[in-house]
């Protein structure tokens, strides 16, 4: 019985290691969280993103004149 349990556990571990889709999804999720953190750090957490984008567009328009 113990041997049967060990064999089943080994099969589950091998299937998990061979299947890379879940690992790729986790990597993409971590990259997304990192990008969201960087955007939040750059533009602040109190809704300054819209203000920063508006000021950036205004600066671009002024430089083009």
PDB file of N, CA and C in Angstrom:
ATOM      1  N   UNK A   1       0.829  -1.192   0.000  1.00  0.00           N
ATOM      2  CA  UNK A   1       0.000   0.000   0.000  1.00  0.00           C
ATOM      3  C   UNK A   1       0.873   1.256   0.000  1.00  0.00           C
ATOM      4  N   UNK A   2       1.906   1.262   0.822  1.00  0.00           N
ATOM      5  CA  UNK A   2       2.797   2.420   0.874  1.00  0.00           C
ATOM      6  C   UNK A   2       3.523   2.612  -0.457  1.00  0.00           C
ATOM      7  N   UNK A   3       3.942   1.508  -1.066  1.00  0.00           N
ATOM      8  CA  UNK A   3       4.614   1.566  -2.361  1.00  0.00           C
ATOM      9  C   UNK A   3       3.684   2.128  -3.424  1.00  0.00           C
ATOM     10  N   UNK A   4       2.426   1.722  -3.384  1.00  0.00           N
ATOM     11  CA  UNK A   4       1.436   2.222  -4.332  1.00  0.00           C
ATOM     12  C   UNK A   4       1.264   3.732  -4.163  1.00  0.00           C
ATOM     13  N   UNK A   5       1.209   4.204  -2.943  1.00  0.00           N
ATOM     14  CA  UNK A   5       1.081   5.636  -2.664  1.00  0.00           C
ATOM     15  C   UNK A   5       2.303   6.408  -3.158  1.00  0.00           C
ATOM     16  N   UNK A   6       3.494   5.864  -2.957  1.00  0.00           N
ATOM     17  CA  UNK A   6       4.726   6.516  -3.413  1.00  0.00           C
ATOM     18  C   UNK A   6       4.763   6.618  -4.933  1.00  0.00           C
ATOM     19  N   UNK A   7       4.327   5.566  -5.604  1.00  0.00           N
ATOM     20  CA  UNK A   7       4.316   5.573  -7.072  1.00  0.00           C
ATOM     21  C   UNK A   7       3.338   6.620  -7.587  1.00  0.00           C
ATOM     22  N   UNK A   8       2.171   6.693  -6.983  1.00  0.00           N
ATOM     23  CA  UNK A   8       1.180   7.706  -7.402  1.00  0.00           C
ATOM     24  C   UNK A   8       1.708   9.123  -7.155  1.00  0.00           C
ATOM     25  N   UNK A   9       2.355   9.326  -6.032  1.00  0.00           N
ATOM     26  CA  UNK A   9       2.918  10.644  -5.726  1.00  0.00           C
ATOM     27  C   UNK A   9       4.000  11.012  -6.730  1.00  0.00           C
ATOM     28  N   UNK A  10       4.825  10.058  -7.092  1.00  0.00           N
ATOM     29  CA  UNK A  10       5.875  10.318  -8.073  1.00  0.00           C
ATOM     30  C   UNK A  10       5.279  10.663  -9.426  1.00  0.00           C
ATOM     31  N   UNK A  11       4.191   9.997  -9.808  1.00  0.00           N
ATOM     32  CA  UNK A  11       3.536  10.297 -11.087  1.00  0.00           C
ATOM     33  C   UNK A  11       2.961  11.712 -11.090  1.00  0.00           C
ATOM     34  N   UNK A  12       2.387  12.112  -9.984  1.00  0.00           N
ATOM     35  CA  UNK A  12       1.825  13.465  -9.883  1.00  0.00           C
ATOM     36  C   UNK A  12       2.937  14.503  -9.999  1.00  0.00           C
ATOM     37  N   UNK A  13       4.055  14.268  -9.318  1.00  0.00           N
ATOM     38  CA  UNK A  13       5.177  15.205  -9.370  1.00  0.00           C
ATOM     39  C   UNK A  13       5.747  15.281 -10.787  1.00  0.00           C
ATOM     40  N   UNK A  14       5.891  14.152 -11.454  1.00  0.00           N
ATOM     41  CA  UNK A  14       6.414  14.154 -12.825  1.00  0.00           C
ATOM     42  C   UNK A  14       5.479  14.908 -13.764  1.00  0.00           C
ATOM     43  N   UNK A  15       4.168  14.689 -13.629  1.00  0.00           N
ATOM     44  CA  UNK A  15       3.216  15.409 -14.470  1.00  0.00           C
ATOM     45  C   UNK A  15       3.305  16.911 -14.221  1.00  0.00           C
ATOM     46  N   UNK A  16       3.462  17.306 -12.966  1.00  0.00           N
ATOM     47  CA  UNK A  16       3.559  18.729 -12.629  1.00  0.00           C
ATOM     48  C   UNK A  16       4.819  19.345 -13.216  1.00  0.00           C
ATOM     49  N   UNK A  17       5.921  18.629 -13.158  1.00  0.00           N
ATOM     50  CA  UNK A  17       7.187  19.146 -13.667  1.00  0.00           C
ATOM     51  C   UNK A  17       7.153  19.244 -15.197  1.00  0.00           C
ATOM     52  N   UNK A  18       6.556  18.253 -15.853  1.00  0.00           N
ATOM     53  CA  UNK A  18       6.528  18.239 -17.312  1.00  0.00           C
ATOM     54  C   UNK A  18       5.555  19.262 -17.875  1.00  0.00           C
ATOM     55  N   UNK A  19       4.568  19.650 -17.120  1.00  0.00           N
ATOM     56  CA  UNK A  19       3.572  20.594 -17.610  1.00  0.00           C
ATOM     57  C   UNK A  19       4.047  22.013 -17.313  1.00  0.00           C
ATOM     58  N   UNK A  20       4.389  22.791 -18.355  1.00  0.00           N
ATOM     59  CA  UNK A  20       4.977  24.116 -18.193  1.00  0.00           C
ATOM     60  C   UNK A  20       3.948  25.235 -18.335  1.00  0.00           C
ATOM     61  N   UNK A  21       2.705  24.936 -18.704  1.00  0.00           N
ATOM     62  CA  UNK A  21       1.708  25.987 -18.911  1.00  0.00           C
ATOM     63  C   UNK A  21       1.434  26.772 -17.638  1.00  0.00           C
ATOM     64  N   UNK A  22       1.311  26.085 -16.526  1.00  0.00           N
ATOM     65  CA  UNK A  22       1.046  26.763 -15.264  1.00  0.00           C
ATOM     66  C   UNK A  22       2.195  27.652 -14.849  1.00  0.00           C
ATOM     67  N   UNK A  23       3.421  27.215 -15.083  1.00  0.00           N
ATOM     68  CA  UNK A  23       4.593  28.011 -14.733  1.00  0.00           C
ATOM     69  C   UNK A  23       4.634  29.272 -15.576  1.00  0.00           C
ATOM     70  N   UNK A  24       4.332  29.155 -16.863  1.00  0.00           N
ATOM     71  CA  UNK A  24       4.330  30.326 -17.745  1.00  0.00           C
ATOM     72  C   UNK A  24       3.266  31.324 -17.308  1.00  0.00           C
ATOM     73  N   UNK A  25       2.104  30.851 -16.936  1.00  0.00           N
ATOM     74  CA  UNK A  25       1.037  31.744 -16.476  1.00  0.00           C
ATOM     75  C   UNK A  25       1.465  32.482 -15.212  1.00  0.00           C
ATOM     76  N   UNK A  26       2.135  31.785 -14.318  1.00  0.00           N
ATOM     77  CA  UNK A  26       2.615  32.431 -13.092  1.00  0.00           C
ATOM     78  C   UNK A  26       3.658  33.485 -13.415  1.00  0.00           C
ATOM     79  N   UNK A  27       4.547  33.189 -14.375  1.00  0.00           N
ATOM     80  CA  UNK A  27       5.564  34.170 -14.765  1.00  0.00           C
ATOM     81  C   UNK A  27       4.910  35.423 -15.340  1.00  0.00           C
ATOM     82  N   UNK A  28       3.913  35.246 -16.216  1.00  0.00           N
ATOM     83  CA  UNK A  28       3.219  36.407 -16.778  1.00  0.00           C
ATOM     84  C   UNK A  28       2.503  37.200 -15.687  1.00  0.00           C
ATOM     85  N   UNK A  29       1.921  36.530 -14.728  1.00  0.00           N
ATOM     86  CA  UNK A  29       1.249  37.222 -13.635  1.00  0.00           C
ATOM     87  C   UNK A  29       2.248  38.039 -12.820  1.00  0.00           C
ATOM     88  N   UNK A  30       3.415  37.475 -12.562  1.00  0.00           N
ATOM     89  CA  UNK A  30       4.434  38.211 -11.808  1.00  0.00           C
ATOM     90  C   UNK A  30       4.923  39.434 -12.582  1.00  0.00           C
ATOM     91  N   UNK A  31       5.088  39.299 -13.891  1.00  0.00           N
ATOM     92  CA  UNK A  31       5.501  40.444 -14.710  1.00  0.00           C
ATOM     93  C   UNK A  31       4.414  41.516 -14.673  1.00  0.00           C
ATOM     94  N   UNK A  32       3.160  41.113 -14.768  1.00  0.00           N
ATOM     95  CA  UNK A  32       2.058  42.079 -14.697  1.00  0.00           C
ATOM     96  C   UNK A  32       2.010  42.817 -13.378  1.00  0.00           C
ATOM     97  N   UNK A  33       2.225  42.108 -12.292  1.00  0.00           N
ATOM     98  CA  UNK A  33       2.234  42.738 -10.970  1.00  0.00           C
ATOM     99  C   UNK A  33       3.408  43.703 -10.853  1.00  0.00           C
ATOM    100  N   UNK A  34       4.564  43.314 -11.398  1.00  0.00           N
ATOM    101  CA  UNK A  34       5.734  44.199 -11.349  1.00  0.00           C
ATOM    102  C   UNK A  34       5.483  45.478 -12.144  1.00  0.00           C
ATOM    103  N   UNK A  35       4.894  45.362 -13.320  1.00  0.00           N
ATOM    104  CA  UNK A  35       4.609  46.546 -14.134  1.00  0.00           C
ATOM    105  C   UNK A  35       3.589  47.443 -13.423  1.00  0.00           C
ATOM    106  N   UNK A  36       2.562  46.847 -12.838  1.00  0.00           N
ATOM    107  CA  UNK A  36       1.575  47.641 -12.102  1.00  0.00           C
ATOM    108  C   UNK A  36       2.223  48.363 -10.924  1.00  0.00           C
ATOM    109  N   UNK A  37       3.139  47.707 -10.253  1.00  0.00           N
ATOM    110  CA  UNK A  37       3.845  48.349  -9.143  1.00  0.00           C
ATOM    111  C   UNK A  37       4.704  49.505  -9.595  1.00  0.00           C
ATOM    112  N   UNK A  38       5.372  49.333 -10.729  1.00  0.00           N
ATOM    113  CA  UNK A  38       6.219  50.411 -11.259  1.00  0.00           C
ATOM    114  C   UNK A  38       5.360  51.601 -11.667  1.00  0.00           C
ATOM    115  N   UNK A  39       4.248  51.353 -12.349  1.00  0.00           N
ATOM    116  CA  UNK A  39       3.352  52.445 -12.761  1.00  0.00           C
ATOM    117  C   UNK A  39       2.812  53.165 -11.537  1.00  0.00           C
ATOM    118  N   UNK A  40       2.438  52.417 -10.520  1.00  0.00           N
ATOM    119  CA  UNK A  40       1.936  53.034  -9.295  1.00  0.00           C
ATOM    120  C   UNK A  40       3.017  53.862  -8.615  1.00  0.00           C
ATOM    121  N   UNK A  41       4.233  53.369  -8.590  1.00  0.00           N
ATOM    122  CA  UNK A  41       5.324  54.100  -7.949  1.00  0.00           C
ATOM    123  C   UNK A  41       5.656  55.376  -8.710  1.00  0.00           C
ATOM    124  N   UNK A  42       5.593  55.325 -10.034  1.00  0.00           N
ATOM    125  CA  UNK A  42       5.949  56.496 -10.834  1.00  0.00           C
ATOM    126  C   UNK A  42       4.868  57.562 -10.761  1.00  0.00           C
ATOM    127  N   UNK A  43       3.620  57.163 -10.876  1.00  0.00           N
ATOM    128  CA  UNK A  43       2.534  58.142 -10.959  1.00  0.00           C
ATOM    129  C   UNK A  43       1.802  58.359  -9.644  1.00  0.00           C
ATOM    130  N   UNK A  44       2.154  57.660  -8.610  1.00  0.00           N
ATOM    131  CA  UNK A  44       1.515  57.849  -7.316  1.00  0.00           C
ATOM    132  C   UNK A  44       0.254  57.015  -7.175  1.00  0.00           C
ATOM    133  N   UNK A  45      -0.239  56.962  -5.957  1.00  0.00           N
ATOM    134  CA  UNK A  45      -1.409  56.140  -5.668  1.00  0.00           C
ATOM    135  C   UNK A  45      -2.678  56.948  -5.472  1.00  0.00           C
ATOM    136  N   UNK A  46      -2.611  58.262  -5.547  1.00  0.00           N
ATOM    137  CA  UNK A  46      -3.789  59.079  -5.255  1.00  0.00           C
ATOM    138  C   UNK A  46      -4.453  59.634  -6.509  1.00  0.00           C
ATOM    139  N   UNK A  47      -4.438  58.909  -7.608  1.00  0.00           N
ATOM    140  CA  UNK A  47      -5.138  59.322  -8.809  1.00  0.00           C
ATOM    141  C   UNK A  47      -4.396  60.333  -9.648  1.00  0.00           C
ATOM    142  N   UNK A  48      -3.101  60.435  -9.517  1.00  0.00           N
ATOM    143  CA  UNK A  48      -2.331  61.408 -10.279  1.00  0.00           C
ATOM    144  C   UNK A  48      -2.009  60.941 -11.694  1.00  0.00           C
ATOM    145  N   UNK A  49      -2.405  59.742 -12.057  1.00  0.00           N
ATOM    146  CA  UNK A  49      -2.086  59.215 -13.380  1.00  0.00           C
ATOM    147  C   UNK A  49      -2.734  60.054 -14.471  1.00  0.00           C
ATOM    148  N   UNK A  50      -4.015  60.359 -14.327  1.00  0.00           N
ATOM    149  CA  UNK A  50      -4.705  61.161 -15.336  1.00  0.00           C
ATOM    150  C   UNK A  50      -4.090  62.562 -15.425  1.00  0.00           C
ATOM    151  N   UNK A  51      -3.770  63.149 -14.305  1.00  0.00           N
ATOM    152  CA  UNK A  51      -3.155  64.472 -14.281  1.00  0.00           C
ATOM    153  C   UNK A  51      -1.782  64.448 -14.956  1.00  0.00           C
ATOM    154  N   UNK A  52      -0.995  63.423 -14.664  1.00  0.00           N
ATOM    155  CA  UNK A  52       0.336  63.295 -15.260  1.00  0.00           C
ATOM    156  C   UNK A  52       0.237  63.106 -16.774  1.00  0.00           C
ATOM    157  N   UNK A  53      -0.712  62.295 -17.225  1.00  0.00           N
ATOM    158  CA  UNK A  53      -0.887  62.106 -18.668  1.00  0.00           C
ATOM    159  C   UNK A  53      -1.345  63.388 -19.351  1.00  0.00           C
ATOM    160  N   UNK A  54      -2.273  64.116 -18.725  1.00  0.00           N
ATOM    161  CA  UNK A  54      -2.727  65.395 -19.296  1.00  0.00           C
ATOM    162  C   UNK A  54      -1.578  66.396 -19.398  1.00  0.00           C
ATOM    163  N   UNK A  55      -0.769  66.489 -18.352  1.00  0.00           N
ATOM    164  CA  UNK A  55       0.371  67.406 -18.378  1.00  0.00           C
ATOM    165  C   UNK A  55       1.397  66.979 -19.429  1.00  0.00           C
ATOM    166  N   UNK A  56       1.601  65.677 -19.579  1.00  0.00           N
ATOM    167  CA  UNK A  56       2.521  65.185 -20.598  1.00  0.00           C
ATOM    168  C   UNK A  56       2.046  65.533 -21.998  1.00  0.00           C
ATOM    169  N   UNK A  57       0.765  65.352 -22.254  1.00  0.00           N
ATOM    170  CA  UNK A  57       0.220  65.698 -23.583  1.00  0.00           C
ATOM    171  C   UNK A  57       0.299  67.199 -23.828  1.00  0.00           C
ATOM    172  N   UNK A  58       0.045  67.988 -22.788  1.00  0.00           N
ATOM    173  CA  UNK A  58       0.137  69.448 -22.931  1.00  0.00           C
ATOM    174  C   UNK A  58       1.570  69.858 -23.253  1.00  0.00           C
ATOM    175  N   UNK A  59       2.546  69.241 -22.602  1.00  0.00           N
ATOM    176  CA  UNK A  59       3.956  69.533 -22.864  1.00  0.00           C
ATOM    177  C   UNK A  59       4.327  69.168 -24.295  1.00  0.00           C
ATOM    178  N   UNK A  60       3.854  68.030 -24.762  1.00  0.00           N
ATOM    179  CA  UNK A  60       4.135  67.614 -26.144  1.00  0.00           C
ATOM    180  C   UNK A  60       3.531  68.599 -27.133  1.00  0.00           C
ATOM    181  N   UNK A  61       2.286  69.024 -26.892  1.00  0.00           N
ATOM    182  CA  UNK A  61       1.631  69.985 -27.783  1.00  0.00           C
ATOM    183  C   UNK A  61       2.393  71.318 -27.799  1.00  0.00           C
ATOM    184  N   UNK A  62       2.821  71.772 -26.614  1.00  0.00           N
ATOM    185  CA  UNK A  62       3.560  73.039 -26.540  1.00  0.00           C
ATOM    186  C   UNK A  62       4.894  72.953 -27.280  1.00  0.00           C
ATOM    187  N   UNK A  63       5.569  71.833 -27.203  1.00  0.00           N
ATOM    188  CA  UNK A  63       6.870  71.659 -27.877  1.00  0.00           C
ATOM    189  C   UNK A  63       6.700  71.580 -29.391  1.00  0.00           C
ATOM    190  N   UNK A  64       5.551  71.120 -29.861  1.00  0.00           N
ATOM    191  CA  UNK A  64       5.317  70.982 -31.291  1.00  0.00           C
ATOM    192  C   UNK A  64       5.001  72.333 -31.946  1.00  0.00           C
ATOM    193  N   UNK A  65       4.599  73.331 -31.187  1.00  0.00           N
ATOM    194  CA  UNK A  65       4.262  74.632 -31.751  1.00  0.00           C
ATOM    195  C   UNK A  65       5.455  75.381 -32.209  1.00  0.00           C
TER     196      UNK A  65
END
